[in-house]
PDB file of all heavy atoms in Angstrom:
ATOM      1  N   VAL A   1      14.117  -8.901  -9.307  1.00  0.00           N
ATOM      2  CA  VAL A   1      14.188  -7.608  -9.992  1.00  0.00           C
ATOM      3  C   VAL A   1      14.263  -6.497  -8.954  1.00  0.00           C
ATOM      4  O   VAL A   1      15.005  -5.529  -9.111  1.00  0.00           O
ATOM      5  CB  VAL A   1      12.962  -7.417 -10.910  1.00  0.00           C
ATOM      6  CG1 VAL A   1      12.973  -6.027 -11.538  1.00  0.00           C
ATOM      7  CG2 VAL A   1      12.940  -8.485 -11.998  1.00  0.00           C
ATOM      8  N   LYS A   2      13.481  -6.642  -7.872  1.00  0.00           N
ATOM      9  CA  LYS A   2      13.511  -5.702  -6.765  1.00  0.00           C
ATOM     10  C   LYS A   2      13.525  -6.487  -5.468  1.00  0.00           C
ATOM     11  O   LYS A   2      13.074  -7.630  -5.416  1.00  0.00           O
ATOM     12  CB  LYS A   2      12.295  -4.763  -6.786  1.00  0.00           C
ATOM     13  CG  LYS A   2      12.302  -3.768  -7.929  1.00  0.00           C
ATOM     14  CD  LYS A   2      11.143  -2.797  -7.789  1.00  0.00           C
ATOM     15  CE  LYS A   2      11.184  -1.735  -8.877  1.00  0.00           C
ATOM     16  NZ  LYS A   2      10.061  -0.767  -8.724  1.00  0.00           N
ATOM     17  N   ASN A   3      14.043  -5.872  -4.417  1.00  0.00           N
ATOM     18  CA  ASN A   3      14.096  -6.522  -3.112  1.00  0.00           C
ATOM     19  C   ASN A   3      12.836  -6.292  -2.290  1.00  0.00           C
ATOM     20  O   ASN A   3      12.776  -6.694  -1.126  1.00  0.00           O
ATOM     21  CB  ASN A   3      15.320  -6.036  -2.339  1.00  0.00           C
ATOM     22  CG  ASN A   3      16.610  -6.546  -2.944  1.00  0.00           C
ATOM     23  OD1 ASN A   3      16.699  -7.701  -3.333  1.00  0.00           O
ATOM     24  ND2 ASN A   3      17.614  -5.678  -3.042  1.00  0.00           N
ATOM     25  N   GLU A   4      11.827  -5.658  -2.894  1.00  0.00           N
ATOM     26  CA  GLU A   4      10.565  -5.396  -2.205  1.00  0.00           C
ATOM     27  C   GLU A   4       9.443  -5.947  -3.068  1.00  0.00           C
ATOM     28  O   GLU A   4       9.472  -5.853  -4.291  1.00  0.00           O
ATOM     29  CB  GLU A   4      10.368  -3.892  -2.003  1.00  0.00           C
ATOM     30  CG  GLU A   4       9.101  -3.534  -1.296  1.00  0.00           C
ATOM     31  CD  GLU A   4       8.976  -2.031  -1.048  1.00  0.00           C
ATOM     32  OE1 GLU A   4       9.076  -1.277  -2.041  1.00  0.00           O
ATOM     33  OE2 GLU A   4       8.789  -1.640   0.100  1.00  0.00           O
ATOM     34  N   PRO A   5       8.434  -6.564  -2.454  1.00  0.00           N
ATOM     35  CA  PRO A   5       7.308  -7.071  -3.247  1.00  0.00           C
ATOM     36  C   PRO A   5       6.496  -5.946  -3.859  1.00  0.00           C
ATOM     37  O   PRO A   5       6.574  -4.790  -3.419  1.00  0.00           O
ATOM     38  CB  PRO A   5       6.486  -7.852  -2.214  1.00  0.00           C
ATOM     39  CG  PRO A   5       6.836  -7.222  -0.913  1.00  0.00           C
ATOM     40  CD  PRO A   5       8.279  -6.824  -1.019  1.00  0.00           C
ATOM     41  N   GLY A   6       5.726  -6.259  -4.859  1.00  0.00           N
ATOM     42  CA  GLY A   6       4.860  -5.262  -5.479  1.00  0.00           C
ATOM     43  C   GLY A   6       3.691  -4.886  -4.611  1.00  0.00           C
ATOM     44  O   GLY A   6       3.141  -3.791  -4.730  1.00  0.00           O
ATOM     45  N   LEU A   7       3.257  -5.796  -3.737  1.00  0.00           N
ATOM     46  CA  LEU A   7       2.164  -5.563  -2.805  1.00  0.00           C
ATOM     47  C   LEU A   7       2.648  -5.775  -1.383  1.00  0.00           C
ATOM     48  O   LEU A   7       3.420  -6.702  -1.126  1.00  0.00           O
ATOM     49  CB  LEU A   7       0.998  -6.525  -3.075  1.00  0.00           C
ATOM     50  CG  LEU A   7       0.306  -6.448  -4.426  1.00  0.00           C
ATOM     51  CD1 LEU A   7      -0.679  -7.596  -4.580  1.00  0.00           C
ATOM     52  CD2 LEU A   7      -0.408  -5.121  -4.615  1.00  0.00           C
ATOM     53  N   VAL A   8       2.218  -4.909  -0.465  1.00  0.00           N
ATOM     54  CA  VAL A   8       2.552  -5.101   0.942  1.00  0.00           C
ATOM     55  C   VAL A   8       1.288  -4.976   1.789  1.00  0.00           C
ATOM     56  O   VAL A   8       0.309  -4.336   1.373  1.00  0.00           O
ATOM     57  CB  VAL A   8       3.614  -4.101   1.458  1.00  0.00           C
ATOM     58  CG1 VAL A   8       4.923  -4.263   0.688  1.00  0.00           C
ATOM     59  CG2 VAL A   8       3.117  -2.677   1.378  1.00  0.00           C
ATOM     60  N   ILE A   9       1.319  -5.597   2.945  1.00  0.00           N
ATOM     61  CA  ILE A   9       0.196  -5.541   3.895  1.00  0.00           C
ATOM     62  C   ILE A   9       0.558  -4.597   5.034  1.00  0.00           C
ATOM     63  O   ILE A   9       1.616  -4.734   5.661  1.00  0.00           O
ATOM     64  CB  ILE A   9      -0.101  -6.929   4.475  1.00  0.00           C
ATOM     65  CG1 ILE A   9      -0.362  -7.946   3.348  1.00  0.00           C
ATOM     66  CG2 ILE A   9      -1.299  -6.869   5.423  1.00  0.00           C
ATOM     67  CD1 ILE A   9      -1.555  -7.617   2.487  1.00  0.00           C
ATOM     68  N   LEU A  10      -0.314  -3.623   5.284  1.00  0.00           N
ATOM     69  CA  LEU A  10      -0.150  -2.716   6.424  1.00  0.00           C
ATOM     70  C   LEU A  10      -1.118  -3.130   7.534  1.00  0.00           C
ATOM     71  O   LEU A  10      -2.209  -3.655   7.270  1.00  0.00           O
ATOM     72  CB  LEU A  10      -0.469  -1.265   6.022  1.00  0.00           C
ATOM     73  CG  LEU A  10       0.231  -0.670   4.818  1.00  0.00           C
ATOM     74  CD1 LEU A  10      -0.127   0.801   4.695  1.00  0.00           C
ATOM     75  CD2 LEU A  10       1.730  -0.852   4.886  1.00  0.00           C
ATOM     76  N   ARG A  11      -0.699  -2.926   8.765  1.00  0.00           N
ATOM     77  CA  ARG A  11      -1.582  -3.133   9.913  1.00  0.00           C
ATOM     78  C   ARG A  11      -1.431  -1.957  10.872  1.00  0.00           C
ATOM     79  O   ARG A  11      -0.496  -1.177  10.766  1.00  0.00           O
ATOM     80  CB  ARG A  11      -1.241  -4.443  10.639  1.00  0.00           C
ATOM     81  CG  ARG A  11      -1.422  -5.685   9.762  1.00  0.00           C
ATOM     82  CD  ARG A  11      -1.164  -6.963  10.537  1.00  0.00           C
ATOM     83  NE  ARG A  11      -1.152  -8.125   9.647  1.00  0.00           N
ATOM     84  CZ  ARG A  11      -2.229  -8.794   9.241  1.00  0.00           C
ATOM     85  NH1 ARG A  11      -3.424  -8.398   9.677  1.00  0.00           N
ATOM     86  NH2 ARG A  11      -2.126  -9.825   8.430  1.00  0.00           N
ATOM     87  N   GLY A  12      -2.344  -1.829  11.785  1.00  0.00           N
ATOM     88  CA  GLY A  12      -2.298  -0.733  12.747  1.00  0.00           C
ATOM     89  C   GLY A  12      -3.661  -0.476  13.323  1.00  0.00           C
ATOM     90  O   GLY A  12      -4.597  -1.282  13.172  1.00  0.00           O
ATOM     91  N   THR A  13      -3.825   0.663  13.980  1.00  0.00           N
ATOM     92  CA  THR A  13      -5.089   0.952  14.660  1.00  0.00           C
ATOM     93  C   THR A  13      -6.235   1.168  13.681  1.00  0.00           C
ATOM     94  O   THR A  13      -7.406   1.006  14.053  1.00  0.00           O
ATOM     95  CB  THR A  13      -4.955   2.199  15.551  1.00  0.00           C
ATOM     96  OG1 THR A  13      -4.538   3.315  14.755  1.00  0.00           O
ATOM     97  CG2 THR A  13      -3.930   1.962  16.658  1.00  0.00           C
ATOM     98  N   VAL A  14      -5.930   1.515  12.428  1.00  0.00           N
ATOM     99  CA  VAL A  14      -6.989   1.679  11.420  1.00  0.00           C
ATOM    100  C   VAL A  14      -7.298   0.339  10.758  1.00  0.00           C
ATOM    101  O   VAL A  14      -8.427   0.094  10.331  1.00  0.00           O
ATOM    102  CB  VAL A  14      -6.570   2.723  10.352  1.00  0.00           C
ATOM    103  CG1 VAL A  14      -7.634   2.829   9.256  1.00  0.00           C
ATOM    104  CG2 VAL A  14      -6.345   4.081  10.984  1.00  0.00           C
ATOM    105  N   ALA A  15      -6.302  -0.528  10.669  1.00  0.00           N
ATOM    106  CA  ALA A  15      -6.460  -1.792   9.951  1.00  0.00           C
ATOM    107  C   ALA A  15      -5.898  -2.954  10.760  1.00  0.00           C
ATOM    108  O   ALA A  15      -4.874  -3.533  10.396  1.00  0.00           O
ATOM    109  CB  ALA A  15      -5.758  -1.712   8.587  1.00  0.00           C
ATOM    110  N   PRO A  16      -6.554  -3.312  11.866  1.00  0.00           N
ATOM    111  CA  PRO A  16      -6.027  -4.406  12.691  1.00  0.00           C
ATOM    112  C   PRO A  16      -5.967  -5.739  11.941  1.00  0.00           C
ATOM    113  O   PRO A  16      -5.157  -6.592  12.272  1.00  0.00           O
ATOM    114  CB  PRO A  16      -6.990  -4.465  13.868  1.00  0.00           C
ATOM    115  CG  PRO A  16      -8.204  -3.711  13.437  1.00  0.00           C
ATOM    116  CD  PRO A  16      -7.758  -2.696  12.469  1.00  0.00           C
ATOM    117  N   ASP A  17      -6.833  -5.921  10.933  1.00  0.00           N
ATOM    118  CA  ASP A  17      -6.821  -7.158  10.163  1.00  0.00           C
ATOM    119  C   ASP A  17      -6.098  -7.001   8.824  1.00  0.00           C
ATOM    120  O   ASP A  17      -6.145  -7.900   7.987  1.00  0.00           O
ATOM    121  CB  ASP A  17      -8.255  -7.647   9.923  1.00  0.00           C
ATOM    122  CG  ASP A  17      -8.911  -8.142  11.206  1.00  0.00           C
ATOM    123  OD1 ASP A  17      -8.180  -8.551  12.111  1.00  0.00           O
ATOM    124  OD2 ASP A  17     -10.152  -8.092  11.294  1.00  0.00           O
ATOM    125  N   GLY A  18      -5.473  -5.848   8.632  1.00  0.00           N
ATOM    126  CA  GLY A  18      -4.664  -5.656   7.445  1.00  0.00           C
ATOM    127  C   GLY A  18      -5.281  -4.731   6.410  1.00  0.00           C
ATOM    128  O   GLY A  18      -6.495  -4.457   6.413  1.00  0.00           O
ATOM    129  N   ALA A  19      -4.439  -4.220   5.540  1.00  0.00           N
ATOM    130  CA  ALA A  19      -4.822  -3.404   4.383  1.00  0.00           C
ATOM    131  C   ALA A  19      -3.737  -3.593   3.337  1.00  0.00           C
ATOM    132  O   ALA A  19      -2.625  -4.007   3.652  1.00  0.00           O
ATOM    133  CB  ALA A  19      -4.958  -1.925   4.768  1.00  0.00           C
ATOM    134  N   ILE A  20      -4.065  -3.299   2.092  1.00  0.00           N
ATOM    135  CA  ILE A  20      -3.168  -3.605   0.977  1.00  0.00           C
ATOM    136  C   ILE A  20      -2.700  -2.327   0.282  1.00  0.00           C
ATOM    137  O   ILE A  20      -3.494  -1.425   0.024  1.00  0.00           O
ATOM    138  CB  ILE A  20      -3.875  -4.525  -0.040  1.00  0.00           C
ATOM    139  CG1 ILE A  20      -4.264  -5.835   0.626  1.00  0.00           C
ATOM    140  CG2 ILE A  20      -2.980  -4.791  -1.247  1.00  0.00           C
ATOM    141  CD1 ILE A  20      -5.087  -6.744  -0.263  1.00  0.00           C
ATOM    142  N   VAL A  21      -1.402  -2.296  -0.024  1.00  0.00           N
ATOM    143  CA  VAL A  21      -0.834  -1.197  -0.813  1.00  0.00           C
ATOM    144  C   VAL A  21      -0.047  -1.785  -1.977  1.00  0.00           C
ATOM    145  O   VAL A  21       0.741  -2.705  -1.791  1.00  0.00           O
ATOM    146  CB  VAL A  21       0.128  -0.316   0.031  1.00  0.00           C
ATOM    147  CG1 VAL A  21       0.734   0.787  -0.839  1.00  0.00           C
ATOM    148  CG2 VAL A  21      -0.587   0.287   1.207  1.00  0.00           C
ATOM    149  N   LYS A  22      -0.304  -1.259  -3.174  1.00  0.00           N
ATOM    150  CA  LYS A  22       0.501  -1.646  -4.325  1.00  0.00           C
ATOM    151  C   LYS A  22       1.703  -0.707  -4.373  1.00  0.00           C
ATOM    152  O   LYS A  22       1.662   0.370  -4.974  1.00  0.00           O
ATOM    153  CB  LYS A  22      -0.308  -1.558  -5.621  1.00  0.00           C
ATOM    154  CG  LYS A  22       0.419  -2.127  -6.837  1.00  0.00           C
ATOM    155  CD  LYS A  22      -0.372  -1.941  -8.107  1.00  0.00           C
ATOM    156  CE  LYS A  22      -0.171  -0.553  -8.649  1.00  0.00           C
ATOM    157  NZ  LYS A  22      -0.740  -0.368 -10.005  1.00  0.00           N
ATOM    158  N   VAL A  23       2.773  -1.108  -3.711  1.00  0.00           N
ATOM    159  CA  VAL A  23       3.950  -0.221  -3.629  1.00  0.00           C
ATOM    160  C   VAL A  23       4.592  -0.026  -4.992  1.00  0.00           C
ATOM    161  O   VAL A  23       5.274   0.975  -5.224  1.00  0.00           O
ATOM    162  CB  VAL A  23       4.994  -0.750  -2.622  1.00  0.00           C
ATOM    163  CG1 VAL A  23       4.487  -0.629  -1.213  1.00  0.00           C
ATOM    164  CG2 VAL A  23       5.400  -2.161  -2.928  1.00  0.00           C
ATOM    165  N   ALA A  24       4.360  -0.957  -5.916  1.00  0.00           N
ATOM    166  CA  ALA A  24       4.904  -0.795  -7.259  1.00  0.00           C
ATOM    167  C   ALA A  24       4.293   0.423  -7.954  1.00  0.00           C
ATOM    168  O   ALA A  24       4.873   0.964  -8.908  1.00  0.00           O
ATOM    169  CB  ALA A  24       4.630  -2.049  -8.101  1.00  0.00           C
ATOM    170  N   GLY A  25       3.110   0.869  -7.476  1.00  0.00           N
ATOM    171  CA  GLY A  25       2.461   2.024  -8.084  1.00  0.00           C
ATOM    172  C   GLY A  25       2.614   3.303  -7.298  1.00  0.00           C
ATOM    173  O   GLY A  25       2.039   4.330  -7.658  1.00  0.00           O
ATOM    174  N   VAL A  26       3.375   3.262  -6.188  1.00  0.00           N
ATOM    175  CA  VAL A  26       3.522   4.466  -5.364  1.00  0.00           C
ATOM    176  C   VAL A  26       4.320   5.528  -6.099  1.00  0.00           C
ATOM    177  O   VAL A  26       4.048   6.731  -6.007  1.00  0.00           O
ATOM    178  CB  VAL A  26       4.179   4.109  -4.018  1.00  0.00           C
ATOM    179  CG1 VAL A  26       4.565   5.366  -3.248  1.00  0.00           C
ATOM    180  CG2 VAL A  26       3.209   3.270  -3.175  1.00  0.00           C
ATOM    181  N   GLY A  27       5.317   5.105  -6.879  1.00  0.00           N
ATOM    182  CA  GLY A  27       6.076   6.046  -7.691  1.00  0.00           C
ATOM    183  C   GLY A  27       6.777   7.102  -6.852  1.00  0.00           C
ATOM    184  O   GLY A  27       7.487   6.780  -5.892  1.00  0.00           O
ATOM    185  N   ASN A  28       6.513   8.365  -7.184  1.00  0.00           N
ATOM    186  CA  ASN A  28       7.178   9.472  -6.499  1.00  0.00           C
ATOM    187  C   ASN A  28       6.433   9.918  -5.235  1.00  0.00           C
ATOM    188  O   ASN A  28       6.857  10.887  -4.594  1.00  0.00           O
ATOM    189  CB  ASN A  28       7.325  10.664  -7.449  1.00  0.00           C
ATOM    190  CG  ASN A  28       8.259  10.355  -8.601  1.00  0.00           C
ATOM    191  OD1 ASN A  28       9.251   9.641  -8.440  1.00  0.00           O
ATOM    192  ND2 ASN A  28       7.955  10.892  -9.780  1.00  0.00           N
ATOM    193  N   ALA A  29       5.331   9.264  -4.917  1.00  0.00           N
ATOM    194  CA  ALA A  29       4.619   9.629  -3.692  1.00  0.00           C
ATOM    195  C   ALA A  29       5.467   9.268  -2.476  1.00  0.00           C
ATOM    196  O   ALA A  29       6.349   8.407  -2.533  1.00  0.00           O
ATOM    197  CB  ALA A  29       3.267   8.903  -3.627  1.00  0.00           C
ATOM    198  N   ARG A  30       5.161   9.905  -1.346  1.00  0.00           N
ATOM    199  CA  ARG A  30       5.940   9.670  -0.135  1.00  0.00           C
ATOM    200  C   ARG A  30       5.638   8.299   0.453  1.00  0.00           C
ATOM    201  O   ARG A  30       4.495   7.846   0.459  1.00  0.00           O
ATOM    202  CB  ARG A  30       5.597  10.748   0.891  1.00  0.00           C
ATOM    203  CG  ARG A  30       6.145  12.133   0.543  1.00  0.00           C
ATOM    204  CD  ARG A  30       5.612  13.166   1.525  1.00  0.00           C
ATOM    205  NE  ARG A  30       4.341  13.706   1.097  1.00  0.00           N
ATOM    206  CZ  ARG A  30       3.612  14.556   1.804  1.00  0.00           C
ATOM    207  NH1 ARG A  30       4.032  14.930   2.996  1.00  0.00           N
ATOM    208  NH2 ARG A  30       2.472  15.012   1.339  1.00  0.00           N
ATOM    209  N   ARG A  31       6.665   7.639   0.977  1.00  0.00           N
ATOM    210  CA  ARG A  31       6.492   6.347   1.615  1.00  0.00           C
ATOM    211  C   ARG A  31       5.998   6.500   3.053  1.00  0.00           C
ATOM    212  O   ARG A  31       5.449   5.573   3.632  1.00  0.00           O
ATOM    213  CB  ARG A  31       7.790   5.542   1.580  1.00  0.00           C
ATOM    214  CG  ARG A  31       8.202   5.133   0.165  1.00  0.00           C
ATOM    215  CD  ARG A  31       9.497   4.329   0.204  1.00  0.00           C
ATOM    216  NE  ARG A  31       9.346   3.084   0.919  1.00  0.00           N
ATOM    217  CZ  ARG A  31       8.990   1.920   0.343  1.00  0.00           C
ATOM    218  NH1 ARG A  31       8.755   1.871  -0.965  1.00  0.00           N
ATOM    219  NH2 ARG A  31       8.899   0.817   1.064  1.00  0.00           N
ATOM    220  N   GLN A  32       6.232   7.664   3.629  1.00  0.00           N
ATOM    221  CA  GLN A  32       5.653   8.013   4.933  1.00  0.00           C
ATOM    222  C   GLN A  32       4.770   9.242   4.714  1.00  0.00           C
ATOM    223  O   GLN A  32       5.200  10.225   4.073  1.00  0.00           O
ATOM    224  CB  GLN A  32       6.720   8.337   5.972  1.00  0.00           C
ATOM    225  CG  GLN A  32       7.511   7.142   6.465  1.00  0.00           C
ATOM    226  CD  GLN A  32       8.629   6.745   5.527  1.00  0.00           C
ATOM    227  OE1 GLN A  32       9.226   7.596   4.864  1.00  0.00           O
ATOM    228  NE2 GLN A  32       8.917   5.463   5.455  1.00  0.00           N
ATOM    229  N   PHE A  33       3.550   9.186   5.223  1.00  0.00           N
ATOM    230  CA  PHE A  33       2.603  10.267   4.982  1.00  0.00           C
ATOM    231  C   PHE A  33       1.777  10.453   6.240  1.00  0.00           C
ATOM    232  O   PHE A  33       1.272   9.489   6.808  1.00  0.00           O
ATOM    233  CB  PHE A  33       1.700   9.918   3.814  1.00  0.00           C
ATOM    234  CG  PHE A  33       0.942  11.076   3.221  1.00  0.00           C
ATOM    235  CD1 PHE A  33       1.305  11.619   1.997  1.00  0.00           C
ATOM    236  CD2 PHE A  33      -0.157  11.632   3.885  1.00  0.00           C
ATOM    237  CE1 PHE A  33       0.610  12.679   1.443  1.00  0.00           C
ATOM    238  CE2 PHE A  33      -0.850  12.691   3.352  1.00  0.00           C
ATOM    239  CZ  PHE A  33      -0.470  13.220   2.118  1.00  0.00           C
ATOM    240  N   GLU A  34       1.648  11.683   6.694  1.00  0.00           N
ATOM    241  CA  GLU A  34       0.796  12.013   7.833  1.00  0.00           C
ATOM    242  C   GLU A  34      -0.027  13.240   7.486  1.00  0.00           C
ATOM    243  O   GLU A  34       0.519  14.238   7.008  1.00  0.00           O
ATOM    244  CB  GLU A  34       1.608  12.255   9.094  1.00  0.00           C
ATOM    245  CG  GLU A  34       0.753  12.542  10.315  1.00  0.00           C
ATOM    246  CD  GLU A  34       1.559  12.586  11.604  1.00  0.00           C
ATOM    247  OE1 GLU A  34       2.783  12.341  11.557  1.00  0.00           O
ATOM    248  OE2 GLU A  34       0.967  12.868  12.668  1.00  0.00           O
ATOM    249  N   GLY A  35      -1.320  13.135   7.695  1.00  0.00           N
ATOM    250  CA  GLY A  35      -2.171  14.271   7.373  1.00  0.00           C
ATOM    251  C   GLY A  35      -3.545  14.119   7.973  1.00  0.00           C
ATOM    252  O   GLY A  35      -3.916  13.054   8.492  1.00  0.00           O
TER     253      GLY A  35
END
């Protein structure tokens, strides 16, 4: 149905062991965010 999963795993300096985002629920929010 879509070429992207509904859930994705993020990693980085805040989440070296991973974190979860439900991208199916991001909607109109920005996919890149800095603040």
